C-alpha atoms as a PDB file:
ATOM      1  CA  MET A   1     -32.238 -58.602-249.828  1.00  0.00           C
ATOM      2  CA  GLY A   2     -29.912 -58.291-246.758  1.00  0.00           C
ATOM      3  CA  VAL A   3     -26.461 -59.046-246.004  1.00  0.00           C
ATOM      4  CA  PHE A   4     -24.906 -62.027-243.672  1.00  0.00           C
ATOM      5  CA  ILE A   5     -22.569 -61.401-241.892  1.00  0.00           C
ATOM      6  CA  ASP A   6     -20.403 -64.674-240.048  1.00  0.00           C
ATOM      7  CA  THR A   7     -17.814 -63.831-237.887  1.00  0.00           C
ATOM      8  CA  SER A   8     -14.871 -63.145-240.252  1.00  0.00           C
ATOM      9  CA  TYR A   9     -16.739 -59.901-240.320  1.00  0.00           C
ATOM     10  CA  PHE A  10     -17.421 -59.379-236.584  1.00  0.00           C
ATOM     11  CA  PHE A  11     -14.072 -60.698-235.505  1.00  0.00           C
ATOM     12  CA  ALA A  12     -12.505 -58.170-238.223  1.00  0.00           C
ATOM     13  CA  ARG A  13     -14.549 -55.570-236.881  1.00  0.00           C
ATOM     14  CA  LEU A  14     -13.449 -56.198-233.157  1.00  0.00           C
ATOM     15  CA  VAL A  15      -9.882 -57.205-233.766  1.00  0.00           C
ATOM     16  CA  ALA A  16      -7.459 -53.988-234.967  1.00  0.00           C
ATOM     17  CA  GLY A  17      -4.924 -56.970-235.507  1.00  0.00           C
ATOM     18  CA  ASP A  18      -6.583 -58.966-238.257  1.00  0.00           C
ATOM     19  CA  GLN A  19      -5.637 -58.444-241.520  1.00  0.00           C
ATOM     20  CA  TRP A  20      -9.420 -57.604-242.462  1.00  0.00           C
ATOM     21  CA  TYR A  21      -9.771 -54.776-239.865  1.00  0.00           C
ATOM     22  CA  GLU A  22      -9.220 -51.367-241.366  1.00  0.00           C
ATOM     23  CA  SER A  23     -11.825 -52.963-244.401  1.00  0.00           C
ATOM     24  CA  ALA A  24     -14.352 -54.156-241.591  1.00  0.00           C
ATOM     25  CA  THR A  25     -14.297 -50.791-239.911  1.00  0.00           C
ATOM     26  CA  LYS A  26     -15.025 -48.606-242.833  1.00  0.00           C
ATOM     27  CA  ALA A  27     -17.544 -50.267-244.194  1.00  0.00           C
ATOM     28  CA  SER A  28     -20.883 -49.019-243.910  1.00  0.00           C
ATOM     29  CA  PRO A  29     -22.816 -51.143-241.903  1.00  0.00           C
ATOM     30  CA  PRO A  30     -25.685 -52.418-244.305  1.00  0.00           C
ATOM     31  CA  GLU A  31     -28.924 -51.905-244.193  1.00  0.00           C
ATOM     32  CA  LEU A  32     -30.168 -54.656-243.897  1.00  0.00           C
ATOM     33  CA  ALA A  33     -27.932 -56.954-241.566  1.00  0.00           C
ATOM     34  CA  VAL A  34     -28.449 -60.647-240.841  1.00  0.00           C
ATOM     35  CA  THR A  35     -26.994 -62.850-238.614  1.00  0.00           C
ATOM     36  CA  SER A  36     -27.889 -66.213-237.033  1.00  0.00           C
ATOM     37  CA  SER A  37     -27.454 -66.856-233.090  1.00  0.00           C
ATOM     38  CA  LEU A  38     -24.556 -69.851-234.163  1.00  0.00           C
ATOM     39  CA  VAL A  39     -22.692 -66.937-235.361  1.00  0.00           C
ATOM     40  CA  ILE A  40     -22.363 -64.927-232.589  1.00  0.00           C
ATOM     41  CA  HIS A  41     -21.756 -67.898-230.308  1.00  0.00           C
ATOM     42  CA  GLU A  42     -19.471 -69.099-232.357  1.00  0.00           C
ATOM     43  CA  THR A  43     -18.328 -65.089-232.452  1.00  0.00           C
ATOM     44  CA  ILE A  44     -18.106 -65.116-228.879  1.00  0.00           C
ATOM     45  CA  SER A  45     -16.018 -68.466-228.741  1.00  0.00           C
ATOM     46  CA  LEU A  46     -13.914 -67.147-230.597  1.00  0.00           C
ATOM     47  CA  LEU A  47     -13.157 -64.072-228.398  1.00  0.00           C
ATOM     48  CA  GLN A  48     -13.017 -66.231-225.465  1.00  0.00           C
ATOM     49  CA  TRP A  49     -10.051 -67.744-227.078  1.00  0.00           C
ATOM     50  CA  ILE A  50      -8.617 -64.948-227.298  1.00  0.00           C
ATOM     51  CA  ARG A  51      -8.465 -64.201-223.727  1.00  0.00           C
ATOM     52  CA  SER A  52      -7.232 -67.371-222.604  1.00  0.00           C
ATOM     53  CA  ARG A  53      -4.195 -66.547-224.462  1.00  0.00           C
ATOM     54  CA  PRO A  54      -0.622 -65.903-222.441  1.00  0.00           C
ATOM     55  CA  GLY A  55       0.448 -61.875-223.550  1.00  0.00           C
ATOM     56  CA  VAL A  56      -4.033 -61.272-223.236  1.00  0.00           C
ATOM     57  CA  ARG A  57      -4.769 -59.583-220.055  1.00  0.00           C
ATOM     58  CA  ILE A  58      -8.190 -57.743-219.826  1.00  0.00           C
ATOM     59  CA  LEU A  59      -8.221 -55.276-217.980  1.00  0.00           C
ATOM     60  CA  TYR A  60     -11.803 -54.212-216.455  1.00  0.00           C
ATOM     61  CA  PRO A  61     -12.704 -49.822-216.327  1.00  0.00           C
ATOM     62  CA  ASP A  62     -13.675 -48.157-212.881  1.00  0.00           C
ATOM     63  CA  ALA A  63     -15.861 -45.228-212.250  1.00  0.00           C
ATOM     64  CA  VAL A  64     -13.418 -42.303-213.475  1.00  0.00           C
ATOM     65  CA  LEU A  65     -11.501 -44.513-216.699  1.00  0.00           C
ATOM     66  CA  GLN A  66     -15.541 -44.463-217.842  1.00  0.00           C
ATOM     67  CA  ALA A  67     -15.621 -41.089-217.384  1.00  0.00           C
ATOM     68  CA  GLU A  68     -12.275 -40.088-219.195  1.00  0.00           C
ATOM     69  CA  ALA A  69     -13.504 -41.925-221.666  1.00  0.00           C
ATOM     70  CA  ARG A  70     -16.381 -40.072-222.437  1.00  0.00           C
ATOM     71  CA  ASP A  71     -15.032 -37.308-222.494  1.00  0.00           C
ATOM     72  CA  GLN A  72     -12.776 -39.238-224.948  1.00  0.00           C
ATOM     73  CA  PHE A  73     -15.290 -39.580-226.561  1.00  0.00           C
ATOM     74  CA  ALA A  74     -16.925 -36.299-226.534  1.00  0.00           C
ATOM     75  CA  ARG A  75     -12.937 -35.104-228.019  1.00  0.00           C
ATOM     76  CA  TRP A  76     -12.423 -37.538-230.827  1.00  0.00           C
ATOM     77  CA  GLY A  77     -15.724 -39.018-230.886  1.00  0.00           C
ATOM     78  CA  ALA A  78     -14.278 -42.885-230.510  1.00  0.00           C
ATOM     79  CA  GLY A  79     -16.785 -45.584-230.033  1.00  0.00           C
ATOM     80  CA  GLY A  80     -17.241 -46.296-226.018  1.00  0.00           C
ATOM     81  CA  SER A  81     -14.506 -49.283-226.326  1.00  0.00           C
ATOM     82  CA  ASN A  82     -12.177 -47.831-228.428  1.00  0.00           C
ATOM     83  CA  ALA A  83     -12.282 -44.703-226.079  1.00  0.00           C
ATOM     84  CA  ALA A  84     -11.627 -47.023-223.107  1.00  0.00           C
ATOM     85  CA  GLY A  85      -9.115 -48.457-224.906  1.00  0.00           C
ATOM     86  CA  PHE A  86      -7.566 -45.257-225.505  1.00  0.00           C
ATOM     87  CA  GLU A  87      -7.721 -44.037-222.267  1.00  0.00           C
ATOM     88  CA  ILE A  88      -6.473 -47.926-220.926  1.00  0.00           C
ATOM     89  CA  LEU A  89      -3.220 -47.295-223.662  1.00  0.00           C
ATOM     90  CA  GLU A  90      -2.776 -43.345-221.362  1.00  0.00           C
ATOM     91  CA  ARG A  91      -2.201 -45.176-218.088  1.00  0.00           C
ATOM     92  CA  GLY A  92       0.371 -47.396-219.276  1.00  0.00           C
ATOM     93  CA  GLY A  93      -1.938 -50.122-220.786  1.00  0.00           C
END
């Protein structure tokens, strides 16, 4: 039997400020995870709402930042977006 993953899991996994972020990132992905297109759409809608909030600035990585993120990944094993996030913060975010 699989585990159904809903928006609250995806959100907690993606948003460091969420109360369940730490637990979600420590959880091992199940062998069989199931979700629905409705959950994916709901998650995307929620993230788009966050994007529209005052104080949220979205930066688009250039080739240099992506190369630096690959170096971070090689050093620390951080995921691609996390490694890019580290580099963005080091640049003064």
